[in-house]
Amino acid sequence: MPASSTPPALPAAPSGRLSLALSREFACIRSLAWRTDLPTAIDWVALGAALEASGLVRLAPVGKMQRFGSATGDEIALVPVTGRVQFRVQYSIPEHDRKFAAERLFQLVVYALLRS
């Protein structure tokens, strides 16, 4: 990142620290879909490039939604208009391991934000 560029504007907690949360999609009873929310003002193009640099493969977009897939079939979907990031865990992962799989995808986004 060039010295003159500013880091992405992430949501701030009351203490001034960055605050990102991973939560299960309300309608998903099988723990396959998870989400976090980012400010719409971040550099979504740079975030997508950083996700590709982390080893994810860019999939065909759906409208303005950017999609990325892992070698194991998990997906990350970026929705710049709303700031939503969705994590889709591959269905063959045992249900008791799905939260951990979603947390690994969440970590990829956090690291990508730090690099973008």
N, C-alpha and C. Protein backbone atom coordinates (compact mmCIF):
# COMPACT_ATOMS: atom_id res chain seq x y z
N MET A 1 0.85 -1.16 0.00
CA MET A 1 0.00 0.00 0.00
C MET A 1 0.90 1.23 0.00
N PRO A 2 0.71 2.17 -0.93
CA PRO A 2 1.53 3.38 -0.96
C PRO A 2 1.39 4.16 0.33
N ALA A 3 2.45 4.88 0.71
CA ALA A 3 2.46 5.62 1.97
C ALA A 3 1.37 6.69 2.01
N SER A 4 0.98 7.22 0.86
CA SER A 4 0.00 8.30 0.85
C SER A 4 -1.45 7.81 0.88
N SER A 5 -1.68 6.53 0.68
CA SER A 5 -3.06 6.05 0.69
C SER A 5 -3.53 5.83 2.12
N THR A 6 -4.82 5.96 2.32
CA THR A 6 -5.38 5.78 3.65
C THR A 6 -6.00 4.40 3.74
N PRO A 7 -5.99 3.79 4.93
CA PRO A 7 -6.59 2.48 5.08
C PRO A 7 -8.10 2.56 4.93
N PRO A 8 -8.77 1.42 4.67
CA PRO A 8 -10.22 1.45 4.50
C PRO A 8 -10.91 1.94 5.77
N ALA A 9 -12.02 2.63 5.59
CA ALA A 9 -12.80 3.12 6.73
C ALA A 9 -13.67 1.99 7.23
N LEU A 10 -13.26 1.37 8.31
CA LEU A 10 -14.01 0.28 8.90
C LEU A 10 -14.89 0.82 10.01
N PRO A 11 -15.99 0.11 10.35
CA PRO A 11 -16.85 0.59 11.41
C PRO A 11 -16.09 0.67 12.73
N ALA A 12 -16.26 1.72 13.47
CA ALA A 12 -15.57 1.91 14.73
C ALA A 12 -16.49 1.59 15.90
N ALA A 13 -15.95 0.88 16.86
CA ALA A 13 -16.67 0.62 18.10
C ALA A 13 -16.61 1.89 18.95
N PRO A 14 -17.43 1.99 19.99
CA PRO A 14 -17.41 3.19 20.82
C PRO A 14 -16.02 3.55 21.34
N SER A 15 -15.16 2.56 21.55
CA SER A 15 -13.82 2.82 22.07
C SER A 15 -12.87 3.32 20.99
N GLY A 16 -13.32 3.36 19.73
CA GLY A 16 -12.46 3.78 18.63
C GLY A 16 -11.78 2.62 17.94
N ARG A 17 -11.91 1.42 18.45
CA ARG A 17 -11.32 0.24 17.81
C ARG A 17 -12.19 -0.19 16.63
N LEU A 18 -11.59 -0.94 15.72
CA LEU A 18 -12.35 -1.48 14.60
C LEU A 18 -13.31 -2.54 15.10
N SER A 19 -14.46 -2.62 14.48
CA SER A 19 -15.46 -3.58 14.92
C SER A 19 -16.05 -4.30 13.71
N LEU A 20 -15.72 -5.57 13.58
CA LEU A 20 -16.32 -6.42 12.56
C LEU A 20 -16.89 -7.63 13.27
N ALA A 21 -18.04 -8.09 12.83
CA ALA A 21 -18.66 -9.24 13.47
C ALA A 21 -19.12 -10.23 12.41
N LEU A 22 -18.94 -11.49 12.70
CA LEU A 22 -19.43 -12.56 11.86
C LEU A 22 -20.72 -13.07 12.48
N SER A 23 -21.77 -13.15 11.68
CA SER A 23 -23.04 -13.68 12.20
C SER A 23 -23.67 -14.62 11.18
N ARG A 24 -24.43 -15.56 11.70
CA ARG A 24 -25.13 -16.49 10.81
C ARG A 24 -26.31 -15.77 10.20
N GLU A 25 -26.53 -16.01 8.90
CA GLU A 25 -27.70 -15.43 8.24
C GLU A 25 -28.94 -15.93 8.97
N PHE A 26 -29.84 -15.04 9.27
CA PHE A 26 -31.03 -15.36 10.06
C PHE A 26 -31.84 -16.50 9.46
N ALA A 27 -32.01 -16.51 8.15
CA ALA A 27 -32.86 -17.50 7.49
C ALA A 27 -32.18 -18.84 7.26
N CYS A 28 -30.89 -18.94 7.53
CA CYS A 28 -30.16 -20.18 7.25
C CYS A 28 -30.14 -21.07 8.49
N ILE A 29 -30.95 -22.11 8.48
CA ILE A 29 -31.04 -22.99 9.64
C ILE A 29 -29.96 -24.07 9.64
N ARG A 30 -29.24 -24.22 8.54
CA ARG A 30 -28.21 -25.26 8.46
C ARG A 30 -26.79 -24.71 8.59
N SER A 31 -26.66 -23.46 8.96
CA SER A 31 -25.36 -22.82 9.18
C SER A 31 -24.46 -22.84 7.95
N LEU A 32 -25.07 -22.66 6.78
CA LEU A 32 -24.29 -22.61 5.54
C LEU A 32 -24.00 -21.18 5.10
N ALA A 33 -24.79 -20.22 5.52
CA ALA A 33 -24.63 -18.83 5.10
C ALA A 33 -24.36 -17.94 6.31
N TRP A 34 -23.30 -17.16 6.21
CA TRP A 34 -22.86 -16.26 7.27
C TRP A 34 -22.63 -14.89 6.66
N ARG A 35 -22.50 -13.86 7.48
CA ARG A 35 -22.32 -12.52 6.92
C ARG A 35 -21.57 -11.60 7.87
N THR A 36 -21.07 -10.53 7.28
CA THR A 36 -20.57 -9.38 8.01
C THR A 36 -20.93 -8.17 7.16
N ASP A 37 -20.85 -7.00 7.75
CA ASP A 37 -21.18 -5.77 7.03
C ASP A 37 -19.99 -4.82 7.09
N LEU A 38 -19.69 -4.21 5.95
CA LEU A 38 -18.60 -3.24 5.83
C LEU A 38 -19.17 -1.91 5.36
N PRO A 39 -18.45 -0.83 5.59
CA PRO A 39 -18.91 0.46 5.05
C PRO A 39 -18.92 0.41 3.52
N THR A 40 -19.91 1.01 2.91
CA THR A 40 -19.98 1.00 1.45
C THR A 40 -18.86 1.82 0.81
N ALA A 41 -18.21 2.69 1.58
CA ALA A 41 -17.17 3.58 1.04
C ALA A 41 -15.80 2.92 0.89
N ILE A 42 -15.63 1.67 1.32
CA ILE A 42 -14.31 1.05 1.17
C ILE A 42 -14.01 0.81 -0.31
N ASP A 43 -12.77 0.52 -0.62
CA ASP A 43 -12.35 0.25 -1.99
C ASP A 43 -12.63 -1.22 -2.31
N TRP A 44 -13.79 -1.48 -2.87
CA TRP A 44 -14.23 -2.85 -3.15
C TRP A 44 -13.37 -3.52 -4.22
N VAL A 45 -12.87 -2.75 -5.17
CA VAL A 45 -11.99 -3.31 -6.21
C VAL A 45 -10.70 -3.82 -5.57
N ALA A 46 -10.11 -3.02 -4.69
CA ALA A 46 -8.88 -3.42 -4.00
C ALA A 46 -9.15 -4.62 -3.09
N LEU A 47 -10.30 -4.65 -2.44
CA LEU A 47 -10.64 -5.79 -1.59
C LEU A 47 -10.74 -7.05 -2.43
N GLY A 48 -11.39 -6.96 -3.59
CA GLY A 48 -11.49 -8.12 -4.47
C GLY A 48 -10.13 -8.59 -4.94
N ALA A 49 -9.25 -7.66 -5.29
CA ALA A 49 -7.90 -8.02 -5.72
C ALA A 49 -7.13 -8.69 -4.59
N ALA A 50 -7.31 -8.21 -3.36
CA ALA A 50 -6.62 -8.81 -2.21
C ALA A 50 -7.16 -10.21 -1.93
N LEU A 51 -8.46 -10.43 -2.14
CA LEU A 51 -9.01 -11.79 -1.97
C LEU A 51 -8.44 -12.74 -3.02
N GLU A 52 -8.30 -12.26 -4.25
CA GLU A 52 -7.67 -13.08 -5.29
C GLU A 52 -6.22 -13.38 -4.93
N ALA A 53 -5.51 -12.39 -4.41
CA ALA A 53 -4.11 -12.58 -4.01
C ALA A 53 -3.98 -13.59 -2.88
N SER A 54 -5.04 -13.76 -2.08
CA SER A 54 -5.01 -14.72 -0.98
C SER A 54 -5.27 -16.15 -1.44
N GLY A 55 -5.54 -16.32 -2.74
CA GLY A 55 -5.73 -17.67 -3.27
C GLY A 55 -7.15 -18.00 -3.70
N LEU A 56 -8.07 -17.09 -3.49
CA LEU A 56 -9.44 -17.33 -3.95
C LEU A 56 -9.53 -17.09 -5.45
N VAL A 57 -10.48 -17.73 -6.08
CA VAL A 57 -10.69 -17.59 -7.52
C VAL A 57 -11.92 -16.72 -7.74
N ARG A 58 -11.78 -15.72 -8.61
CA ARG A 58 -12.92 -14.86 -8.92
C ARG A 58 -13.92 -15.66 -9.75
N LEU A 59 -15.18 -15.67 -9.31
CA LEU A 59 -16.26 -16.36 -10.01
C LEU A 59 -17.06 -15.34 -10.81
N ALA A 60 -17.96 -15.81 -11.63
CA ALA A 60 -18.79 -14.91 -12.42
C ALA A 60 -19.61 -14.02 -11.49
N PRO A 61 -19.63 -12.72 -11.74
CA PRO A 61 -20.42 -11.83 -10.88
C PRO A 61 -21.91 -12.03 -11.13
N VAL A 62 -22.70 -11.63 -10.15
CA VAL A 62 -24.15 -11.60 -10.29
C VAL A 62 -24.55 -10.14 -10.11
N GLY A 63 -24.84 -9.47 -11.20
CA GLY A 63 -25.08 -8.03 -11.12
C GLY A 63 -23.81 -7.35 -10.66
N LYS A 64 -23.92 -6.54 -9.61
CA LYS A 64 -22.75 -5.85 -9.06
C LYS A 64 -22.08 -6.65 -7.95
N MET A 65 -22.63 -7.81 -7.62
CA MET A 65 -22.06 -8.64 -6.57
C MET A 65 -20.82 -9.36 -7.11
N GLN A 66 -19.70 -9.21 -6.40
CA GLN A 66 -18.47 -9.93 -6.74
C GLN A 66 -18.47 -11.25 -5.98
N ARG A 67 -18.04 -12.32 -6.65
CA ARG A 67 -18.02 -13.64 -6.01
C ARG A 67 -16.63 -14.25 -6.12
N PHE A 68 -16.23 -14.95 -5.05
CA PHE A 68 -14.93 -15.60 -4.99
C PHE A 68 -15.10 -16.98 -4.41
N GLY A 69 -14.39 -17.95 -4.97
CA GLY A 69 -14.51 -19.33 -4.50
C GLY A 69 -13.19 -19.88 -4.00
N SER A 70 -13.28 -20.80 -3.06
CA SER A 70 -12.10 -21.47 -2.54
C SER A 70 -11.95 -22.83 -3.23
N ALA A 71 -10.82 -23.44 -3.04
CA ALA A 71 -10.56 -24.76 -3.63
C ALA A 71 -11.50 -25.81 -3.05
N THR A 72 -12.04 -25.58 -1.86
CA THR A 72 -12.93 -26.55 -1.23
C THR A 72 -14.41 -26.30 -1.52
N GLY A 73 -14.72 -25.26 -2.30
CA GLY A 73 -16.11 -25.01 -2.68
C GLY A 73 -16.82 -23.95 -1.85
N ASP A 74 -16.13 -23.35 -0.89
CA ASP A 74 -16.72 -22.26 -0.12
C ASP A 74 -16.74 -21.01 -1.01
N GLU A 75 -17.60 -20.05 -0.69
CA GLU A 75 -17.69 -18.81 -1.47
C GLU A 75 -17.76 -17.59 -0.57
N ILE A 76 -17.22 -16.51 -1.08
CA ILE A 76 -17.38 -15.19 -0.46
C ILE A 76 -18.03 -14.31 -1.50
N ALA A 77 -19.10 -13.63 -1.12
CA ALA A 77 -19.79 -12.72 -2.02
C ALA A 77 -19.72 -11.31 -1.43
N LEU A 78 -19.27 -10.35 -2.26
CA LEU A 78 -19.19 -8.95 -1.85
C LEU A 78 -20.31 -8.18 -2.53
N VAL A 79 -21.09 -7.44 -1.74
CA VAL A 79 -22.18 -6.64 -2.28
C VAL A 79 -21.87 -5.17 -1.95
N PRO A 80 -21.14 -4.48 -2.85
CA PRO A 80 -20.71 -3.12 -2.56
C PRO A 80 -21.84 -2.12 -2.28
N VAL A 81 -22.98 -2.30 -2.93
CA VAL A 81 -24.09 -1.34 -2.77
C VAL A 81 -24.58 -1.29 -1.32
N THR A 82 -24.61 -2.44 -0.65
CA THR A 82 -25.13 -2.50 0.72
C THR A 82 -24.02 -2.65 1.76
N GLY A 83 -22.82 -3.02 1.33
CA GLY A 83 -21.73 -3.27 2.27
C GLY A 83 -21.74 -4.68 2.84
N ARG A 84 -22.62 -5.51 2.35
CA ARG A 84 -22.75 -6.87 2.87
C ARG A 84 -21.67 -7.77 2.29
N VAL A 85 -21.13 -8.63 3.14
CA VAL A 85 -20.21 -9.68 2.72
C VAL A 85 -20.84 -10.99 3.19
N GLN A 86 -21.10 -11.89 2.26
CA GLN A 86 -21.70 -13.17 2.62
C GLN A 86 -20.69 -14.28 2.45
N PHE A 87 -20.67 -15.18 3.41
CA PHE A 87 -19.80 -16.35 3.41
C PHE A 87 -20.69 -17.57 3.24
N ARG A 88 -20.43 -18.33 2.20
CA ARG A 88 -21.23 -19.53 1.93
C ARG A 88 -20.35 -20.75 2.11
N VAL A 89 -20.66 -21.50 3.14
CA VAL A 89 -19.88 -22.69 3.48
C VAL A 89 -20.35 -23.85 2.62
N GLN A 90 -19.41 -24.63 2.12
CA GLN A 90 -19.72 -25.78 1.26
C GLN A 90 -20.59 -26.78 2.05
N TYR A 91 -21.66 -27.24 1.44
CA TYR A 91 -22.67 -28.04 2.15
C TYR A 91 -22.18 -29.37 2.68
N SER A 92 -21.09 -29.93 2.13
CA SER A 92 -20.62 -31.24 2.60
C SER A 92 -19.81 -31.15 3.89
N ILE A 93 -19.51 -29.95 4.36
CA ILE A 93 -18.81 -29.80 5.64
C ILE A 93 -19.78 -30.18 6.75
N PRO A 94 -19.34 -31.03 7.68
CA PRO A 94 -20.24 -31.42 8.78
C PRO A 94 -20.77 -30.19 9.52
N GLU A 95 -22.02 -30.26 9.94
CA GLU A 95 -22.67 -29.09 10.53
C GLU A 95 -21.90 -28.53 11.73
N HIS A 96 -21.30 -29.40 12.54
CA HIS A 96 -20.57 -28.91 13.72
C HIS A 96 -19.27 -28.18 13.34
N ASP A 97 -18.81 -28.28 12.10
CA ASP A 97 -17.59 -27.60 11.64
C ASP A 97 -17.87 -26.36 10.79
N ARG A 98 -19.13 -26.08 10.51
CA ARG A 98 -19.46 -24.99 9.59
C ARG A 98 -19.13 -23.61 10.14
N LYS A 99 -19.30 -23.40 11.43
CA LYS A 99 -18.94 -22.10 12.00
C LYS A 99 -17.43 -21.86 11.85
N PHE A 100 -16.63 -22.90 12.06
CA PHE A 100 -15.18 -22.76 11.93
C PHE A 100 -14.81 -22.46 10.47
N ALA A 101 -15.50 -23.08 9.53
CA ALA A 101 -15.25 -22.81 8.11
C ALA A 101 -15.60 -21.36 7.78
N ALA A 102 -16.72 -20.88 8.33
CA ALA A 102 -17.12 -19.49 8.11
C ALA A 102 -16.11 -18.53 8.74
N GLU A 103 -15.58 -18.88 9.90
CA GLU A 103 -14.58 -18.04 10.55
C GLU A 103 -13.30 -17.96 9.72
N ARG A 104 -12.92 -19.05 9.07
CA ARG A 104 -11.73 -19.02 8.20
C ARG A 104 -11.96 -18.08 7.01
N LEU A 105 -13.15 -18.11 6.43
CA LEU A 105 -13.47 -17.19 5.33
C LEU A 105 -13.48 -15.74 5.82
N PHE A 106 -14.03 -15.53 7.00
CA PHE A 106 -14.07 -14.20 7.61
C PHE A 106 -12.64 -13.67 7.80
N GLN A 107 -11.74 -14.55 8.25
CA GLN A 107 -10.34 -14.15 8.42
C GLN A 107 -9.72 -13.72 7.09
N LEU A 108 -10.06 -14.42 6.02
CA LEU A 108 -9.54 -14.02 4.70
C LEU A 108 -9.95 -12.60 4.35
N VAL A 109 -11.20 -12.24 4.66
CA VAL A 109 -11.68 -10.89 4.37
C VAL A 109 -10.97 -9.87 5.26
N VAL A 110 -10.80 -10.17 6.53
CA VAL A 110 -10.11 -9.24 7.44
C VAL A 110 -8.68 -9.02 6.95
N TYR A 111 -7.96 -10.09 6.62
CA TYR A 111 -6.59 -9.94 6.13
C TYR A 111 -6.57 -9.19 4.80
N ALA A 112 -7.54 -9.44 3.95
CA ALA A 112 -7.61 -8.72 2.66
C ALA A 112 -7.86 -7.24 2.89
N LEU A 113 -8.69 -6.89 3.88
CA LEU A 113 -8.93 -5.48 4.19
C LEU A 113 -7.64 -4.81 4.64
N LEU A 114 -6.86 -5.51 5.41
CA LEU A 114 -5.61 -4.94 5.90
C LEU A 114 -4.60 -4.75 4.77
N ARG A 115 -4.67 -5.60 3.74
CA ARG A 115 -3.75 -5.50 2.61
C ARG A 115 -4.23 -4.53 1.54
N SER A 116 -5.55 -4.29 1.47
CA SER A 116 -6.08 -3.47 0.37
C SER A 116 -5.94 -1.99 0.63
